[in-house]
């Protein structure tokens, strides 16, 4: 039980918001894990492995498949 709680504590959730800062529960949210993986998440917190996932490497956001392999045919993003 303690292991489960500590594993969830390392994940951060990113929510879509409107212009005044209210969470948009009908829009997708994302979970960022401590190893730099980003997954789309449904409204109750389940990771959507069937959707596009990403990995953070330095200042780049790289698209990956469901098991973490980089997808070179998809666009990557740079953070500034």
PDB file of N, CA and C in Angstrom:
ATOM      1  N   UNK A   1       0.819  -1.185   0.000  1.00  0.00           N
ATOM      2  CA  UNK A   1       0.000   0.000   0.000  1.00  0.00           C
ATOM      3  C   UNK A   1       0.866   1.253   0.000  1.00  0.00           C
ATOM      4  N   UNK A   2       1.907   1.288   0.762  1.00  0.00           N
ATOM      5  CA  UNK A   2       2.775   2.464   0.816  1.00  0.00           C
ATOM      6  C   UNK A   2       3.475   2.667  -0.522  1.00  0.00           C
ATOM      7  N   UNK A   3       3.862   1.584  -1.176  1.00  0.00           N
ATOM      8  CA  UNK A   3       4.517   1.701  -2.480  1.00  0.00           C
ATOM      9  C   UNK A   3       3.603   2.361  -3.506  1.00  0.00           C
ATOM     10  N   UNK A   4       2.339   2.006  -3.497  1.00  0.00           N
ATOM     11  CA  UNK A   4       1.372   2.574  -4.429  1.00  0.00           C
ATOM     12  C   UNK A   4       1.220   4.071  -4.210  1.00  0.00           C
ATOM     13  N   UNK A   5       1.136   4.488  -2.980  1.00  0.00           N
ATOM     14  CA  UNK A   5       0.996   5.910  -2.685  1.00  0.00           C
ATOM     15  C   UNK A   5       2.232   6.700  -3.089  1.00  0.00           C
ATOM     16  N   UNK A   6       3.414   6.151  -2.876  1.00  0.00           N
ATOM     17  CA  UNK A   6       4.627   6.875  -3.248  1.00  0.00           C
ATOM     18  C   UNK A   6       4.807   6.920  -4.765  1.00  0.00           C
ATOM     19  N   UNK A   7       4.325   5.909  -5.490  1.00  0.00           N
ATOM     20  CA  UNK A   7       4.429   5.920  -6.951  1.00  0.00           C
ATOM     21  C   UNK A   7       3.522   6.992  -7.543  1.00  0.00           C
ATOM     22  N   UNK A   8       2.340   7.176  -6.978  1.00  0.00           N
ATOM     23  CA  UNK A   8       1.438   8.197  -7.479  1.00  0.00           C
ATOM     24  C   UNK A   8       1.922   9.595  -7.138  1.00  0.00           C
ATOM     25  N   UNK A   9       2.671   9.737  -6.070  1.00  0.00           N
ATOM     26  CA  UNK A   9       3.143  11.054  -5.654  1.00  0.00           C
ATOM     27  C   UNK A   9       4.185  11.609  -6.626  1.00  0.00           C
ATOM     28  N   UNK A  10       4.844  10.752  -7.408  1.00  0.00           N
ATOM     29  CA  UNK A  10       5.871  11.226  -8.331  1.00  0.00           C
ATOM     30  C   UNK A  10       5.294  11.656  -9.663  1.00  0.00           C
ATOM     31  N   UNK A  11       4.013  11.404  -9.898  1.00  0.00           N
ATOM     32  CA  UNK A  11       3.384  11.784 -11.157  1.00  0.00           C
ATOM     33  C   UNK A  11       2.700  13.142 -11.024  1.00  0.00           C
ATOM     34  N   UNK A  12       2.794  13.951 -12.066  1.00  0.00           N
ATOM     35  CA  UNK A  12       2.134  15.254 -12.110  1.00  0.00           C
ATOM     36  C   UNK A  12       1.047  15.209 -13.163  1.00  0.00           C
ATOM     37  N   UNK A  13      -0.078  15.867 -12.910  1.00  0.00           N
ATOM     38  CA  UNK A  13      -1.172  15.938 -13.874  1.00  0.00           C
ATOM     39  C   UNK A  13      -1.215  17.330 -14.475  1.00  0.00           C
ATOM     40  N   UNK A  14      -1.456  17.413 -15.770  1.00  0.00           N
ATOM     41  CA  UNK A  14      -1.622  18.672 -16.489  1.00  0.00           C
ATOM     42  C   UNK A  14      -3.040  18.699 -17.034  1.00  0.00           C
ATOM     43  N   UNK A  15      -3.790  19.727 -16.669  1.00  0.00           N
ATOM     44  CA  UNK A  15      -5.180  19.851 -17.086  1.00  0.00           C
ATOM     45  C   UNK A  15      -5.333  20.980 -18.095  1.00  0.00           C
ATOM     46  N   UNK A  16      -6.285  20.839 -19.011  1.00  0.00           N
ATOM     47  CA  UNK A  16      -6.674  21.929 -19.907  1.00  0.00           C
ATOM     48  C   UNK A  16      -7.527  22.903 -19.101  1.00  0.00           C
ATOM     49  N   UNK A  17      -7.321  24.202 -19.333  1.00  0.00           N
ATOM     50  CA  UNK A  17      -8.107  25.210 -18.628  1.00  0.00           C
ATOM     51  C   UNK A  17      -8.680  26.208 -19.626  1.00  0.00           C
ATOM     52  N   UNK A  18      -9.716  26.912 -19.200  1.00  0.00           N
ATOM     53  CA  UNK A  18     -10.291  27.962 -20.043  1.00  0.00           C
ATOM     54  C   UNK A  18      -9.584  29.286 -19.750  1.00  0.00           C
ATOM     55  N   UNK A  19     -10.098  30.374 -20.305  1.00  0.00           N
ATOM     56  CA  UNK A  19      -9.440  31.682 -20.201  1.00  0.00           C
ATOM     57  C   UNK A  19      -9.345  32.199 -18.771  1.00  0.00           C
ATOM     58  N   UNK A  20     -10.262  31.777 -17.901  1.00  0.00           N
ATOM     59  CA  UNK A  20     -10.205  32.273 -16.521  1.00  0.00           C
ATOM     60  C   UNK A  20      -9.628  31.253 -15.542  1.00  0.00           C
ATOM     61  N   UNK A  21      -9.141  30.131 -16.037  1.00  0.00           N
ATOM     62  CA  UNK A  21      -8.442  29.162 -15.207  1.00  0.00           C
ATOM     63  C   UNK A  21      -9.248  27.986 -14.707  1.00  0.00           C
ATOM     64  N   UNK A  22     -10.481  27.816 -15.152  1.00  0.00           N
ATOM     65  CA  UNK A  22     -11.285  26.665 -14.746  1.00  0.00           C
ATOM     66  C   UNK A  22     -10.841  25.420 -15.512  1.00  0.00           C
ATOM     67  N   UNK A  23     -10.761  24.282 -14.814  1.00  0.00           N
ATOM     68  CA  UNK A  23     -10.395  23.024 -15.466  1.00  0.00           C
ATOM     69  C   UNK A  23     -11.467  22.619 -16.460  1.00  0.00           C
ATOM     70  N   UNK A  24     -11.016  22.124 -17.599  1.00  0.00           N
ATOM     71  CA  UNK A  24     -11.918  21.630 -18.642  1.00  0.00           C
ATOM     72  C   UNK A  24     -11.915  20.105 -18.569  1.00  0.00           C
ATOM     73  N   UNK A  25     -12.875  19.552 -17.835  1.00  0.00           N
ATOM     74  CA  UNK A  25     -12.910  18.109 -17.629  1.00  0.00           C
ATOM     75  C   UNK A  25     -13.301  17.339 -18.877  1.00  0.00           C
ATOM     76  N   UNK A  26     -13.910  17.993 -19.855  1.00  0.00           N
ATOM     77  CA  UNK A  26     -14.266  17.310 -21.092  1.00  0.00           C
ATOM     78  C   UNK A  26     -13.112  17.269 -22.087  1.00  0.00           C
ATOM     79  N   UNK A  27     -12.014  17.932 -21.792  1.00  0.00           N
ATOM     80  CA  UNK A  27     -10.821  17.924 -22.644  1.00  0.00           C
ATOM     81  C   UNK A  27      -9.786  16.971 -22.035  1.00  0.00           C
ATOM     82  N   UNK A  28      -8.867  16.457 -22.854  1.00  0.00           N
ATOM     83  CA  UNK A  28      -7.890  15.509 -22.304  1.00  0.00           C
ATOM     84  C   UNK A  28      -6.933  16.181 -21.325  1.00  0.00           C
ATOM     85  N   UNK A  29      -6.499  15.410 -20.338  1.00  0.00           N
ATOM     86  CA  UNK A  29      -5.446  15.850 -19.434  1.00  0.00           C
ATOM     87  C   UNK A  29      -4.248  14.939 -19.668  1.00  0.00           C
ATOM     88  N   UNK A  30      -3.126  15.283 -19.082  1.00  0.00           N
ATOM     89  CA  UNK A  30      -1.901  14.519 -19.293  1.00  0.00           C
ATOM     90  C   UNK A  30      -1.239  14.213 -17.964  1.00  0.00           C
ATOM     91  N   UNK A  31      -0.556  13.072 -17.900  1.00  0.00           N
ATOM     92  CA  UNK A  31       0.212  12.671 -16.728  1.00  0.00           C
ATOM     93  C   UNK A  31       1.683  12.669 -17.114  1.00  0.00           C
ATOM     94  N   UNK A  32       2.509  13.332 -16.302  1.00  0.00           N
ATOM     95  CA  UNK A  32       3.956  13.355 -16.509  1.00  0.00           C
ATOM     96  C   UNK A  32       4.580  12.517 -15.407  1.00  0.00           C
ATOM     97  N   UNK A  33       5.298  11.460 -15.782  1.00  0.00           N
ATOM     98  CA  UNK A  33       5.932  10.581 -14.799  1.00  0.00           C
ATOM     99  C   UNK A  33       7.315  11.113 -14.452  1.00  0.00           C
ATOM    100  N   UNK A  34       7.895  10.561 -13.388  1.00  0.00           N
ATOM    101  CA  UNK A  34       9.205  11.031 -12.942  1.00  0.00           C
ATOM    102  C   UNK A  34      10.335  10.684 -13.910  1.00  0.00           C
ATOM    103  N   UNK A  35      10.115   9.741 -14.830  1.00  0.00           N
ATOM    104  CA  UNK A  35      11.145   9.405 -15.816  1.00  0.00           C
ATOM    105  C   UNK A  35      11.001  10.191 -17.117  1.00  0.00           C
ATOM    106  N   UNK A  36      10.097  11.197 -17.141  1.00  0.00           N
ATOM    107  CA  UNK A  36       9.969  12.069 -18.295  1.00  0.00           C
ATOM    108  C   UNK A  36       8.985  11.612 -19.353  1.00  0.00           C
ATOM    109  N   UNK A  37       8.168  10.616 -19.072  1.00  0.00           N
ATOM    110  CA  UNK A  37       7.158  10.158 -20.028  1.00  0.00           C
ATOM    111  C   UNK A  37       5.873  10.941 -19.822  1.00  0.00           C
ATOM    112  N   UNK A  38       5.176  11.247 -20.915  1.00  0.00           N
ATOM    113  CA  UNK A  38       3.920  11.986 -20.874  1.00  0.00           C
ATOM    114  C   UNK A  38       2.843  11.143 -21.539  1.00  0.00           C
ATOM    115  N   UNK A  39       1.750  10.899 -20.814  1.00  0.00           N
ATOM    116  CA  UNK A  39       0.637  10.097 -21.316  1.00  0.00           C
ATOM    117  C   UNK A  39      -0.644  10.914 -21.259  1.00  0.00           C
ATOM    118  N   UNK A  40      -1.505  10.752 -22.270  1.00  0.00           N
ATOM    119  CA  UNK A  40      -2.841  11.317 -22.184  1.00  0.00           C
ATOM    120  C   UNK A  40      -3.614  10.518 -21.142  1.00  0.00           C
ATOM    121  N   UNK A  41      -4.451  11.209 -20.377  1.00  0.00           N
ATOM    122  CA  UNK A  41      -5.170  10.591 -19.274  1.00  0.00           C
ATOM    123  C   UNK A  41      -6.656  10.885 -19.398  1.00  0.00           C
ATOM    124  N   UNK A  42      -7.503   9.889 -19.096  1.00  0.00           N
ATOM    125  CA  UNK A  42      -8.948  10.127 -19.156  1.00  0.00           C
ATOM    126  C   UNK A  42      -9.428  10.856 -17.898  1.00  0.00           C
ATOM    127  N   UNK A  43     -10.720  11.104 -17.808  1.00  0.00           N
ATOM    128  CA  UNK A  43     -11.269  11.936 -16.736  1.00  0.00           C
ATOM    129  C   UNK A  43     -11.149  11.320 -15.348  1.00  0.00           C
ATOM    130  N   UNK A  44     -10.985   9.999 -15.243  1.00  0.00           N
ATOM    131  CA  UNK A  44     -10.845   9.380 -13.921  1.00  0.00           C
ATOM    132  C   UNK A  44      -9.401   9.006 -13.587  1.00  0.00           C
ATOM    133  N   UNK A  45      -8.454   9.374 -14.445  1.00  0.00           N
ATOM    134  CA  UNK A  45      -7.039   9.189 -14.129  1.00  0.00           C
ATOM    135  C   UNK A  45      -6.355   8.003 -14.765  1.00  0.00           C
ATOM    136  N   UNK A  46      -7.026   7.273 -15.649  1.00  0.00           N
ATOM    137  CA  UNK A  46      -6.398   6.137 -16.330  1.00  0.00           C
ATOM    138  C   UNK A  46      -5.572   6.636 -17.509  1.00  0.00           C
ATOM    139  N   UNK A  47      -4.358   6.125 -17.625  1.00  0.00           N
ATOM    140  CA  UNK A  47      -3.511   6.502 -18.757  1.00  0.00           C
ATOM    141  C   UNK A  47      -4.049   5.876 -20.031  1.00  0.00           C
ATOM    142  N   UNK A  48      -4.080   6.648 -21.101  1.00  0.00           N
ATOM    143  CA  UNK A  48      -4.580   6.180 -22.395  1.00  0.00           C
ATOM    144  C   UNK A  48      -3.378   5.733 -23.232  1.00  0.00           C
ATOM    145  N   UNK A  49      -3.034   4.462 -23.147  1.00  0.00           N
ATOM    146  CA  UNK A  49      -1.883   3.935 -23.867  1.00  0.00           C
ATOM    147  C   UNK A  49      -2.138   3.839 -25.370  1.00  0.00           C
ATOM    148  N   UNK A  50      -3.401   3.926 -25.795  1.00  0.00           N
ATOM    149  CA  UNK A  50      -3.723   3.858 -27.217  1.00  0.00           C
ATOM    150  C   UNK A  50      -3.555   5.214 -27.901  1.00  0.00           C
ATOM    151  N   UNK A  51      -3.321   6.273 -27.152  1.00  0.00           N
ATOM    152  CA  UNK A  51      -3.116   7.611 -27.703  1.00  0.00           C
ATOM    153  C   UNK A  51      -1.616   7.917 -27.787  1.00  0.00           C
ATOM    154  N   UNK A  52      -1.278   8.997 -28.463  1.00  0.00           N
ATOM    155  CA  UNK A  52       0.125   9.404 -28.619  1.00  0.00           C
ATOM    156  C   UNK A  52       0.730   9.735 -27.255  1.00  0.00           C
ATOM    157  N   UNK A  53       1.929   9.210 -26.992  1.00  0.00           N
ATOM    158  CA  UNK A  53       2.653   9.542 -25.775  1.00  0.00           C
ATOM    159  C   UNK A  53       3.964  10.221 -26.160  1.00  0.00           C
ATOM    160  N   UNK A  54       4.589  10.863 -25.194  1.00  0.00           N
ATOM    161  CA  UNK A  54       5.817  11.627 -25.442  1.00  0.00           C
ATOM    162  C   UNK A  54       6.845  11.327 -24.366  1.00  0.00           C
ATOM    163  N   UNK A  55       8.087  11.696 -24.645  1.00  0.00           N
ATOM    164  CA  UNK A  55       9.185  11.575 -23.692  1.00  0.00           C
ATOM    165  C   UNK A  55       9.951  12.889 -23.703  1.00  0.00           C
ATOM    166  N   UNK A  56      10.306  13.387 -22.537  1.00  0.00           N
ATOM    167  CA  UNK A  56      11.084  14.617 -22.427  1.00  0.00           C
ATOM    168  C   UNK A  56      12.558  14.244 -22.404  1.00  0.00           C
ATOM    169  N   UNK A  57      13.324  14.802 -23.338  1.00  0.00           N
ATOM    170  CA  UNK A  57      14.774  14.621 -23.377  1.00  0.00           C
ATOM    171  C   UNK A  57      15.415  15.986 -23.503  1.00  0.00           C
ATOM    172  N   UNK A  58      16.012  16.472 -22.428  1.00  0.00           N
ATOM    173  CA  UNK A  58      16.613  17.801 -22.452  1.00  0.00           C
ATOM    174  C   UNK A  58      15.550  18.851 -22.667  1.00  0.00           C
ATOM    175  N   UNK A  59      15.652  19.605 -23.766  1.00  0.00           N
ATOM    176  CA  UNK A  59      14.645  20.615 -24.078  1.00  0.00           C
ATOM    177  C   UNK A  59      13.740  20.185 -25.227  1.00  0.00           C
ATOM    178  N   UNK A  60      13.694  18.887 -25.518  1.00  0.00           N
ATOM    179  CA  UNK A  60      12.867  18.362 -26.611  1.00  0.00           C
ATOM    180  C   UNK A  60      11.756  17.466 -26.074  1.00  0.00           C
ATOM    181  N   UNK A  61      10.635  17.503 -26.753  1.00  0.00           N
ATOM    182  CA  UNK A  61       9.498  16.642 -26.473  1.00  0.00           C
ATOM    183  C   UNK A  61       9.375  15.688 -27.654  1.00  0.00           C
ATOM    184  N   UNK A  62       9.735  14.416 -27.436  1.00  0.00           N
ATOM    185  CA  UNK A  62       9.812  13.428 -28.509  1.00  0.00           C
ATOM    186  C   UNK A  62       8.606  12.495 -28.493  1.00  0.00           C
ATOM    187  N   UNK A  63       7.956  12.264 -29.641  1.00  0.00           N
ATOM    188  CA  UNK A  63       6.829  11.326 -29.691  1.00  0.00           C
ATOM    189  C   UNK A  63       7.317   9.885 -29.550  1.00  0.00           C
ATOM    190  N   UNK A  64       6.556   9.083 -28.797  1.00  0.00           N
ATOM    191  CA  UNK A  64       6.915   7.681 -28.591  1.00  0.00           C
ATOM    192  C   UNK A  64       5.687   6.806 -28.796  1.00  0.00           C
ATOM    193  N   UNK A  65       5.920   5.508 -28.983  1.00  0.00           N
ATOM    194  CA  UNK A  65       4.810   4.566 -29.046  1.00  0.00           C
ATOM    195  C   UNK A  65       4.448   4.123 -27.626  1.00  0.00           C
ATOM    196  N   UNK A  66       3.559   3.164 -27.496  1.00  0.00           N
ATOM    197  CA  UNK A  66       3.050   2.781 -26.180  1.00  0.00           C
ATOM    198  C   UNK A  66       4.101   2.143 -25.271  1.00  0.00           C
ATOM    199  N   UNK A  67       5.190   1.614 -25.837  1.00  0.00           N
ATOM    200  CA  UNK A  67       6.226   1.014 -24.992  1.00  0.00           C
ATOM    201  C   UNK A  67       7.462   1.890 -24.844  1.00  0.00           C
ATOM    202  N   UNK A  68       7.443   3.084 -25.423  1.00  0.00           N
ATOM    203  CA  UNK A  68       8.526   4.032 -25.206  1.00  0.00           C
ATOM    204  C   UNK A  68       9.513   4.193 -26.336  1.00  0.00           C
ATOM    205  N   UNK A  69       9.332   3.506 -27.466  1.00  0.00           N
ATOM    206  CA  UNK A  69      10.240   3.663 -28.600  1.00  0.00           C
ATOM    207  C   UNK A  69       9.927   4.959 -29.338  1.00  0.00           C
ATOM    208  N   UNK A  70      10.953   5.691 -29.700  1.00  0.00           N
ATOM    209  CA  UNK A  70      10.758   6.960 -30.388  1.00  0.00           C
ATOM    210  C   UNK A  70      10.167   6.729 -31.775  1.00  0.00           C
ATOM    211  N   UNK A  71       9.255   7.612 -32.169  1.00  0.00           N
ATOM    212  CA  UNK A  71       8.650   7.556 -33.491  1.00  0.00           C
ATOM    213  C   UNK A  71       9.261   8.679 -34.330  1.00  0.00           C
ATOM    214  N   UNK A  72      10.131   8.302 -35.249  1.00  0.00           N
ATOM    215  CA  UNK A  72      10.854   9.282 -36.049  1.00  0.00           C
ATOM    216  C   UNK A  72       9.993   9.908 -37.146  1.00  0.00           C
ATOM    217  N   UNK A  73       8.871   9.289 -37.473  1.00  0.00           N
ATOM    218  CA  UNK A  73       8.005   9.824 -38.523  1.00  0.00           C
ATOM    219  C   UNK A  73       7.028  10.886 -38.005  1.00  0.00           C
ATOM    220  N   UNK A  74       7.022  11.154 -36.715  1.00  0.00           N
ATOM    221  CA  UNK A  74       6.143  12.159 -36.114  1.00  0.00           C
ATOM    222  C   UNK A  74       6.953  13.400 -35.747  1.00  0.00           C
ATOM    223  N   UNK A  75       6.267  14.535 -35.660  1.00  0.00           N
ATOM    224  CA  UNK A  75       6.922  15.790 -35.308  1.00  0.00           C
ATOM    225  C   UNK A  75       7.358  15.795 -33.855  1.00  0.00           C
ATOM    226  N   UNK A  76       8.536  16.386 -33.592  1.00  0.00           N
ATOM    227  CA  UNK A  76       8.959  16.587 -32.207  1.00  0.00           C
ATOM    228  C   UNK A  76       8.924  18.085 -31.914  1.00  0.00           C
ATOM    229  N   UNK A  77       8.904  18.442 -30.634  1.00  0.00           N
ATOM    230  CA  UNK A  77       8.775  19.825 -30.220  1.00  0.00           C
ATOM    231  C   UNK A  77       9.967  20.226 -29.384  1.00  0.00           C
ATOM    232  N   UNK A  78      10.340  21.506 -29.443  1.00  0.00           N
ATOM    233  CA  UNK A  78      11.415  22.028 -28.599  1.00  0.00           C
ATOM    234  C   UNK A  78      10.825  23.032 -27.631  1.00  0.00           C
ATOM    235  N   UNK A  79      11.288  22.991 -26.382  1.00  0.00           N
ATOM    236  CA  UNK A  79      10.828  23.920 -25.356  1.00  0.00           C
ATOM    237  C   UNK A  79      11.818  25.067 -25.253  1.00  0.00           C
ATOM    238  N   UNK A  80      11.309  26.261 -25.123  1.00  0.00           N
ATOM    239  CA  UNK A  80      12.184  27.436 -25.015  1.00  0.00           C
ATOM    240  C   UNK A  80      11.910  28.185 -23.766  1.00  0.00           C
TER     241      UNK A  80
END
